Amino acid sequence: MRSGSFHLVAGAALALALSASSAYAQKKYDPGASDTEIKIGQTVPFSGAYSVYANIGKTQAAYMRMINEQGGINGRKINLIQYDDAYSPPKTVEQVRKLVEGDEVLLTFQLIGTAANAAVQKYLNSKKVPQLFAATGASKFTDPKNFPWTMGYNPNYFVEGKIYGQYILKEHPNAKIGILYQNDDLGKDYINGLKAGLGDKAAKMIVAEASYEVADPTIDSQVLKIKDAGADLFYSASTPKQAAQAIRKIHELNWKPVHILDINASPVSATLKPAGLEASKGVISVNYGKDPADPTWKDDPGLKKYLDFMDKYFPEGDKMNTVNTYGYSTAQLLVQVLKQCGDNLTRENVMKQAANLKDVVLDLGLPGMKINTSPTDYRVNKQLQMMRFNGERWELFGPILEDAGPSG
């Protein structure tokens, strides 16, 4: 009898253990995920003044086609739903609501632009829908304490600005700095970062600040204001259209300031070619990825993978365009996060995995650069290297610079 009781208890314990194990192994889904599909949404400026960024979305869509052709992620196909917002925040709001409430996506991915992301940040956080790898570096998009459902991808503008300030102090300590900036979080973060990098010398070194609105047709008057203030270092916290206009105007004036350009406006195809390659010679910026036009990488395995991908999945795209390399890298990182999610495809787990990236090396990351995130540090790219345009391509110089401290 005692033996029978033992077997009964042991059997019940085993059944309970198996039940717990089975429950633990069960698949977990939120809206937008199933046994066969992962639904992802994004807005892209396919039209409008900032359609130069449309190729980001096109490259990402091509990357997802490749992943699906290879069997998907853990057997699930990616359904990337893209809507045009023309880089207009009201349209972004309308399209993101449609993605969340109509299409019921699991997450939003790489919404493009600072103003666009700002317009939907509170909404997405209130809905607890991931705003993953937002295409902006404004500090408010790497603030897990106040916005736990938002994670930016781009290098933090404040940190980038701080690095420029430190570079100026070292290489141009007597510079008279004139600032052109976009009148939004992008421009203001860059200014605050620059001033932090310059420290107590900022007030003396900065001789002019001139802002512009995204919709402004030209920034000629702002450039003239900065020149007339006696600046000999031009700091451009801008995006491609206005950055190109500034380079061209400076060249027309035969003015020769040291010219520092933020990373958003550094693509050769989107900024420097429209401005004129000769006019762009000597411009300084930073990078964290390989430029396919740089012969340094001609035998690089990561670049070869990218070029093969472009040939097969986006043959009409310009392989040398760094807008496309950006799209490739962001898509690769998204796939990494979704792989880490396994069968737990809840929105909460998406953010948990995104905030636990450990030593991730992307195909197009510069050698020595690794992506690390944590629940208290949402910054994806904290390492940068200076570069200078030689009239044909960007040339890297100096060491890898890393900011592991507070993001500002």
Protein backbone atom coordinates (compact mmCIF):
# COMPACT_ATOMS: atom_id res chain seq x y z
CA MET A 1 0.00 0.00 0.00
CA ARG A 2 2.82 2.32 0.95
CA SER A 3 4.55 1.45 -2.34
CA GLY A 4 1.37 2.21 -4.31
CA SER A 5 1.05 5.62 -2.64
CA PHE A 6 4.64 6.39 -3.54
CA HIS A 7 4.07 5.57 -7.21
CA LEU A 8 0.90 7.68 -7.23
CA VAL A 9 2.66 10.70 -5.73
CA ALA A 10 5.69 10.25 -7.99
CA GLY A 11 3.44 9.97 -11.03
CA ALA A 12 1.54 13.11 -10.08
CA ALA A 13 4.79 14.99 -9.54
CA LEU A 14 6.10 13.87 -12.93
CA ALA A 15 2.84 14.91 -14.64
CA LEU A 16 3.02 18.31 -12.93
CA ALA A 17 6.65 18.77 -14.00
CA LEU A 18 5.83 17.83 -17.60
CA SER A 19 2.85 20.18 -17.55
CA ALA A 20 5.02 23.05 -16.27
CA SER A 21 7.70 22.26 -18.85
CA SER A 22 5.10 22.21 -21.62
CA ALA A 23 3.63 25.52 -20.47
CA TYR A 24 7.10 27.05 -20.38
CA ALA A 25 7.81 25.86 -23.92
CA GLN A 26 4.47 27.13 -25.25
CA LYS A 27 4.55 29.71 -28.00
CA LYS A 28 3.52 33.21 -26.97
CA TYR A 29 2.05 35.71 -29.39
CA ASP A 30 0.83 39.27 -29.37
CA PRO A 31 -1.09 40.86 -32.27
CA GLY A 32 0.95 40.65 -35.46
CA ALA A 33 2.60 37.29 -34.71
CA SER A 34 1.54 33.72 -35.41
CA ASP A 35 2.99 30.32 -36.25
CA THR A 36 3.53 31.48 -39.82
CA GLU A 37 3.97 35.26 -39.81
CA ILE A 38 5.57 38.26 -38.10
CA LYS A 39 3.83 41.49 -39.12
CA ILE A 40 5.97 44.63 -38.97
CA GLY A 41 5.01 48.21 -39.90
CA GLN A 42 6.91 51.29 -40.95
CA THR A 43 6.48 54.69 -42.55
CA VAL A 44 8.91 55.84 -45.24
CA PRO A 45 9.15 59.15 -47.16
CA PHE A 46 8.62 57.56 -50.57
CA SER A 47 7.53 61.03 -51.76
CA GLY A 48 8.21 64.62 -50.79
CA ALA A 49 11.33 66.65 -50.12
CA TYR A 50 13.04 63.85 -48.20
CA SER A 51 12.41 61.07 -50.67
CA VAL A 52 16.20 60.60 -50.78
CA TYR A 53 15.57 58.36 -47.77
CA ALA A 54 13.08 56.18 -49.67
CA ASN A 55 15.85 53.74 -50.53
CA ILE A 56 16.19 52.88 -46.84
CA GLY A 57 12.72 51.35 -46.94
CA LYS A 58 13.32 49.76 -50.34
CA THR A 59 16.51 48.08 -49.13
CA GLN A 60 14.81 46.86 -45.97
CA ALA A 61 11.92 45.39 -47.98
CA ALA A 62 14.45 43.63 -50.24
CA TYR A 63 16.26 42.26 -47.17
CA MET A 64 13.02 40.81 -45.82
CA ARG A 65 12.37 39.17 -49.19
CA MET A 66 15.76 37.51 -48.86
CA ILE A 67 15.00 36.33 -45.32
CA ASN A 68 11.62 34.95 -46.40
CA GLU A 69 13.20 33.16 -49.35
CA GLN A 70 15.62 31.56 -46.90
CA GLY A 71 12.73 30.22 -44.80
CA GLY A 72 11.94 33.20 -42.61
CA ILE A 73 12.80 33.60 -38.93
CA ASN A 74 12.26 30.46 -36.87
CA GLY A 75 9.95 29.30 -39.67
CA ARG A 76 7.89 32.49 -39.79
CA LYS A 77 7.74 34.82 -42.79
CA ILE A 78 8.18 38.55 -42.35
CA ASN A 79 5.29 40.69 -43.52
CA LEU A 80 6.73 44.21 -43.78
CA ILE A 81 3.92 46.75 -44.29
CA GLN A 82 5.15 50.12 -45.56
CA TYR A 83 3.22 53.38 -45.91
CA ASP A 84 4.35 56.68 -47.40
CA ASP A 85 4.29 59.59 -44.93
CA ALA A 86 6.18 62.05 -47.19
CA TYR A 87 8.24 63.05 -44.08
CA SER A 88 5.16 64.86 -42.78
CA PRO A 89 4.46 64.26 -39.05
CA PRO A 90 0.64 64.51 -39.39
CA LYS A 91 0.79 61.82 -42.08
CA THR A 92 3.08 59.74 -39.88
CA VAL A 93 0.48 59.87 -37.10
CA GLU A 94 -2.27 58.80 -39.49
CA GLN A 95 -0.26 55.94 -41.00
CA VAL A 96 1.10 54.64 -37.68
CA ARG A 97 -2.42 54.51 -36.23
CA LYS A 98 -3.44 52.52 -39.29
CA LEU A 99 -0.52 50.12 -38.77
CA VAL A 100 -1.32 49.59 -35.08
CA GLU A 101 -5.12 49.62 -35.05
CA GLY A 102 -5.89 48.44 -38.57
CA ASP A 103 -3.06 46.15 -39.62
CA GLU A 104 -2.31 45.16 -36.00
CA VAL A 105 1.45 44.93 -36.46
CA LEU A 106 3.62 43.37 -33.76
CA LEU A 107 5.97 46.34 -33.84
CA THR A 108 6.93 49.44 -35.79
CA PHE A 109 10.41 49.45 -37.31
CA GLN A 110 12.66 52.27 -38.51
CA LEU A 111 10.14 55.08 -38.75
CA ILE A 112 12.21 57.69 -40.57
CA GLY A 113 12.95 61.15 -39.23
CA THR A 114 13.14 62.95 -35.90
CA ALA A 115 9.88 64.89 -36.24
CA ALA A 116 8.01 61.85 -37.53
CA ASN A 117 9.13 59.71 -34.59
CA ALA A 118 8.39 62.48 -32.09
CA ALA A 119 4.84 62.73 -33.42
CA VAL A 120 4.03 59.11 -32.56
CA GLN A 121 6.31 58.37 -29.60
CA LYS A 122 3.74 58.98 -26.85
CA TYR A 123 1.03 57.14 -28.78
CA LEU A 124 3.17 54.03 -29.33
CA ASN A 125 4.33 53.99 -25.71
CA SER A 126 0.76 54.34 -24.46
CA LYS A 127 -0.20 51.37 -26.66
CA LYS A 128 2.92 49.46 -25.59
CA VAL A 129 3.90 48.88 -29.20
CA PRO A 130 7.66 48.78 -29.89
CA GLN A 131 9.02 51.81 -31.75
CA LEU A 132 12.09 49.83 -32.71
CA PHE A 133 15.30 51.26 -34.15
CA ALA A 134 13.75 54.63 -34.93
CA ALA A 135 15.72 56.34 -37.71
CA THR A 136 16.85 59.26 -35.59
CA GLY A 137 19.56 59.98 -33.06
CA ALA A 138 17.72 62.51 -30.91
CA SER A 139 18.28 61.81 -27.21
CA LYS A 140 14.56 61.42 -26.46
CA PHE A 141 14.57 58.18 -28.48
CA THR A 142 17.10 56.49 -26.21
CA ASP A 143 15.36 57.22 -22.92
CA PRO A 144 14.22 53.87 -21.46
CA LYS A 145 13.08 55.45 -18.20
CA ASN A 146 10.46 57.68 -19.81
CA PHE A 147 9.87 55.84 -23.10
CA PRO A 148 10.53 52.12 -22.55
CA TRP A 149 8.90 51.14 -25.87
CA THR A 150 11.14 53.39 -28.01
CA MET A 151 14.68 52.58 -29.15
CA GLY A 152 16.55 54.70 -31.68
CA TYR A 153 19.13 53.29 -34.06
CA ASN A 154 21.25 56.22 -35.16
CA PRO A 155 24.22 57.43 -33.14
CA ASN A 156 22.97 59.78 -30.47
CA TYR A 157 23.10 63.33 -31.84
CA PHE A 158 24.20 64.71 -28.49
CA VAL A 159 27.11 62.26 -28.31
CA GLU A 160 28.08 62.94 -31.93
CA GLY A 161 28.01 66.68 -31.27
CA LYS A 162 30.16 66.20 -28.19
CA ILE A 163 32.73 64.29 -30.26
CA TYR A 164 32.86 67.18 -32.78
CA GLY A 165 33.40 69.62 -29.91
CA GLN A 166 36.31 67.59 -28.58
CA TYR A 167 37.78 67.34 -32.09
CA ILE A 168 37.53 71.12 -32.58
CA LEU A 169 39.24 71.82 -29.26
CA LYS A 170 42.12 69.55 -30.23
CA GLU A 171 42.55 70.48 -33.90
CA HIS A 172 41.09 74.02 -34.14
CA PRO A 173 41.32 75.51 -30.62
CA ASN A 174 41.03 79.10 -31.87
CA ALA A 175 38.13 78.50 -34.24
CA LYS A 176 35.27 80.95 -34.63
CA ILE A 177 32.30 78.62 -35.01
CA GLY A 178 29.14 79.31 -36.97
CA ILE A 179 26.24 76.88 -36.61
CA LEU A 180 23.54 76.05 -39.15
CA TYR A 181 20.88 73.86 -37.57
CA GLN A 182 17.51 72.31 -38.34
CA ASN A 183 14.97 73.80 -35.93
CA ASP A 184 13.87 70.57 -34.26
CA ASP A 185 15.21 67.96 -31.84
CA LEU A 186 17.87 66.93 -34.36
CA GLY A 187 19.43 70.37 -34.64
CA LYS A 188 19.05 71.24 -30.96
CA ASP A 189 20.65 67.98 -29.79
CA TYR A 190 23.62 68.59 -32.07
CA ILE A 191 24.08 72.11 -30.69
CA ASN A 192 23.81 70.94 -27.08
CA GLY A 193 26.31 68.15 -27.76
CA LEU A 194 28.77 70.53 -29.43
CA LYS A 195 28.55 72.95 -26.51
CA ALA A 196 29.08 70.11 -24.04
CA GLY A 197 32.18 69.04 -25.99
CA LEU A 198 33.54 72.60 -26.07
CA GLY A 199 32.84 73.06 -22.37
CA ASP A 200 33.49 76.50 -20.91
CA LYS A 201 35.01 77.66 -24.22
CA ALA A 202 31.70 77.33 -26.09
CA ALA A 203 30.44 80.87 -25.42
CA LYS A 204 33.65 82.44 -26.71
CA MET A 205 34.13 80.16 -29.74
CA ILE A 206 30.57 80.18 -31.13
CA VAL A 207 30.04 83.46 -33.01
CA ALA A 208 26.75 82.72 -34.83
CA GLU A 209 23.76 80.37 -34.82
CA ALA A 210 21.23 80.24 -37.66
CA SER A 211 18.23 77.92 -37.83
CA TYR A 212 16.01 76.79 -40.69
CA GLU A 213 12.69 74.98 -41.00
CA VAL A 214 12.42 71.71 -42.94
CA ALA A 215 10.04 73.36 -45.42
CA ASP A 216 12.33 76.34 -46.15
CA PRO A 217 13.18 76.43 -49.88
CA THR A 218 16.71 77.76 -49.32
CA ILE A 219 19.21 78.48 -46.53
CA ASP A 220 21.33 81.05 -48.41
CA SER A 221 20.52 83.87 -45.97
CA GLN A 222 21.57 81.71 -43.00
CA VAL A 223 24.92 80.91 -44.64
CA LEU A 224 25.53 84.61 -45.33
CA LYS A 225 24.69 85.48 -41.72
CA ILE A 226 27.24 82.96 -40.45
CA LYS A 227 29.93 84.17 -42.87
CA ASP A 228 29.30 87.82 -41.98
CA ALA A 229 29.73 86.99 -38.28
CA GLY A 230 33.37 86.12 -39.03
CA ALA A 231 33.11 82.36 -38.63
CA ASP A 232 35.99 80.25 -39.92
CA LEU A 233 34.44 76.90 -38.92
CA PHE A 234 31.02 75.97 -40.27
CA TYR A 235 29.10 73.39 -38.22
CA SER A 236 26.15 71.96 -40.14
CA ALA A 237 23.53 70.17 -38.00
CA SER A 238 21.27 69.41 -40.93
CA THR A 239 19.80 66.88 -43.33
CA PRO A 240 20.80 66.24 -46.99
CA LYS A 241 18.84 68.92 -48.87
CA GLN A 242 19.96 71.85 -46.72
CA ALA A 243 23.45 70.43 -46.22
CA ALA A 244 23.92 70.28 -49.99
CA GLN A 245 22.63 73.84 -50.37
CA ALA A 246 25.09 75.05 -47.72
CA ILE A 247 28.08 73.34 -49.34
CA ARG A 248 27.17 74.78 -52.73
CA LYS A 249 26.62 78.31 -51.35
CA ILE A 250 29.90 78.27 -49.43
CA HIS A 251 31.68 77.20 -52.62
CA GLU A 252 29.98 79.95 -54.66
CA LEU A 253 31.12 82.53 -52.10
CA ASN A 254 34.70 81.21 -52.39
CA TRP A 255 34.63 80.98 -48.59
CA LYS A 256 36.99 78.39 -47.09
CA PRO A 257 35.85 77.56 -43.53
CA VAL A 258 36.57 74.23 -41.86
CA HIS A 259 33.30 72.44 -42.61
CA ILE A 260 31.88 69.81 -40.23
CA LEU A 261 28.78 67.95 -41.35
CA ASP A 262 26.63 65.67 -39.20
CA ILE A 263 26.35 62.00 -40.13
CA ASN A 264 22.72 62.25 -41.34
CA ALA A 265 23.82 64.54 -44.15
CA SER A 266 26.99 62.63 -45.07
CA PRO A 267 25.75 60.30 -47.89
CA VAL A 268 27.66 61.07 -51.08
CA SER A 269 24.68 60.40 -53.34
CA ALA A 270 22.15 62.37 -51.29
CA THR A 271 24.29 65.37 -50.29
CA LEU A 272 27.75 65.63 -51.78
CA LYS A 273 26.90 64.83 -55.41
CA PRO A 274 24.01 67.33 -55.51
CA ALA A 275 26.30 69.91 -53.88
CA GLY A 276 29.17 69.10 -56.26
CA LEU A 277 32.01 66.73 -55.42
CA GLU A 278 34.70 69.39 -55.88
CA ALA A 279 32.73 71.81 -53.71
CA SER A 280 32.45 69.11 -51.03
CA LYS A 281 36.18 68.40 -50.84
CA GLY A 282 37.53 68.65 -47.30
CA VAL A 283 34.19 68.33 -45.51
CA ILE A 284 34.53 66.41 -42.21
CA SER A 285 32.06 64.02 -40.59
CA VAL A 286 31.96 60.69 -38.73
CA ASN A 287 30.94 57.14 -39.57
CA TYR A 288 30.32 53.76 -37.99
CA GLY A 289 29.86 51.70 -41.15
CA LYS A 290 31.83 50.65 -44.20
CA ASP A 291 31.51 52.80 -47.29
CA PRO A 292 31.22 50.49 -50.33
CA ALA A 293 33.01 53.09 -52.44
CA ASP A 294 36.11 52.87 -50.23
CA PRO A 295 38.68 50.48 -51.76
CA THR A 296 39.79 49.60 -48.23
CA TRP A 297 36.89 47.13 -48.10
CA LYS A 298 37.18 45.57 -51.57
CA ASP A 299 38.06 42.14 -50.13
CA ASP A 300 35.95 42.45 -46.98
CA PRO A 301 33.59 39.45 -46.46
CA GLY A 302 30.82 41.63 -44.97
CA LEU A 303 30.88 44.00 -47.92
CA LYS A 304 30.85 41.08 -50.35
CA LYS A 305 27.69 39.77 -48.66
CA TYR A 306 26.07 43.18 -49.07
CA LEU A 307 27.06 43.47 -52.74
CA ASP A 308 25.75 39.96 -53.47
CA PHE A 309 22.49 40.86 -51.73
CA MET A 310 22.11 44.03 -53.79
CA ASP A 311 22.79 42.17 -57.04
CA LYS A 312 20.11 39.59 -56.31
CA TYR A 313 17.41 41.38 -54.33
CA PHE A 314 17.74 45.08 -55.18
CA PRO A 315 19.55 45.21 -58.55
CA GLU A 316 18.04 48.57 -59.47
CA GLY A 317 19.51 50.12 -56.30
CA ASP A 318 22.82 52.00 -56.20
CA LYS A 319 25.26 49.70 -54.38
CA MET A 320 27.53 52.66 -53.57
CA ASN A 321 24.75 54.65 -51.89
CA THR A 322 25.25 54.63 -48.11
CA VAL A 323 21.50 55.13 -47.69
CA ASN A 324 21.24 51.53 -48.93
CA THR A 325 24.00 50.25 -46.65
CA TYR A 326 22.09 51.85 -43.76
CA GLY A 327 18.92 50.03 -44.78
CA TYR A 328 20.83 46.76 -44.99
CA SER A 329 22.38 47.13 -41.52
CA THR A 330 19.15 48.10 -39.78
CA ALA A 331 17.32 45.17 -41.38
CA GLN A 332 20.10 42.79 -40.32
CA LEU A 333 19.83 44.00 -36.72
CA LEU A 334 16.03 43.61 -36.70
CA VAL A 335 16.44 40.01 -37.83
CA GLN A 336 18.92 39.45 -34.98
CA VAL A 337 16.36 40.70 -32.43
CA LEU A 338 13.56 38.55 -33.86
CA LYS A 339 15.80 35.47 -33.84
CA GLN A 340 16.55 36.10 -30.17
CA CYS A 341 12.80 36.24 -29.49
CA GLY A 342 12.43 32.58 -30.47
CA ASP A 343 8.80 31.49 -30.01
CA ASN A 344 8.05 34.27 -27.52
CA LEU A 345 6.79 36.87 -29.97
CA THR A 346 5.25 39.30 -27.53
CA ARG A 347 5.84 43.01 -27.74
CA GLU A 348 7.38 42.93 -24.28
CA ASN A 349 9.89 40.28 -25.34
CA VAL A 350 10.77 42.19 -28.51
CA MET A 351 11.88 45.13 -26.36
CA LYS A 352 13.58 42.81 -23.86
CA GLN A 353 15.70 41.24 -26.62
CA ALA A 354 16.46 44.60 -28.24
CA ALA A 355 17.70 45.80 -24.84
CA ASN A 356 19.95 42.75 -24.46
CA LEU A 357 22.14 42.83 -27.56
CA LYS A 358 25.60 41.52 -26.73
CA ASP A 359 28.65 42.13 -28.93
CA VAL A 360 26.61 42.07 -32.14
CA VAL A 361 28.81 42.58 -35.21
CA LEU A 362 27.04 43.66 -38.39
CA ASP A 363 28.34 42.89 -41.88
CA LEU A 364 28.95 46.57 -42.58
CA GLY A 365 30.12 47.76 -39.16
CA LEU A 366 33.64 49.19 -39.01
CA PRO A 367 36.26 46.76 -37.65
CA GLY A 368 36.29 46.76 -33.86
CA MET A 369 32.77 48.09 -33.54
CA LYS A 370 30.21 46.01 -31.65
CA ILE A 371 26.61 46.69 -30.66
CA ASN A 372 25.75 46.36 -26.99
CA THR A 373 22.52 47.48 -25.33
CA SER A 374 21.04 47.07 -21.87
CA PRO A 375 17.73 47.82 -20.12
CA THR A 376 19.25 51.14 -18.97
CA ASP A 377 21.20 51.99 -22.15
CA TYR A 378 19.16 51.94 -25.35
CA ARG A 379 21.91 53.47 -27.51
CA VAL A 380 22.67 51.06 -30.35
CA ASN A 381 25.65 52.87 -31.89
CA LYS A 382 28.02 54.48 -29.39
CA GLN A 383 31.24 54.17 -31.44
CA LEU A 384 32.28 56.55 -34.22
CA GLN A 385 35.33 57.33 -36.35
CA MET A 386 36.17 60.65 -37.98
CA MET A 387 36.27 60.90 -41.78
CA ARG A 388 37.11 63.51 -44.44
CA PHE A 389 35.83 63.76 -48.03
CA ASN A 390 38.66 63.79 -50.59
CA GLY A 391 36.60 64.88 -53.59
CA GLU A 392 35.71 61.32 -54.58
CA ARG A 393 35.02 59.40 -51.39
CA TRP A 394 35.20 59.57 -47.62
CA GLU A 395 38.51 58.66 -45.94
CA LEU A 396 38.54 57.52 -42.32
CA PHE A 397 41.12 58.96 -39.95
CA GLY A 398 41.96 58.76 -36.26
CA PRO A 399 40.93 56.14 -33.68
CA ILE A 400 37.49 54.73 -32.94
CA LEU A 401 35.81 57.10 -30.48
CA GLU A 402 33.38 55.66 -27.96
CA ASP A 403 31.02 57.30 -25.53
CA ALA A 404 29.94 54.85 -22.87
CA GLY A 405 28.73 57.50 -20.43
CA PRO A 406 25.35 59.23 -20.12
CA SER A 407 23.77 60.11 -23.45
CA GLY A 408 22.88 63.64 -22.50
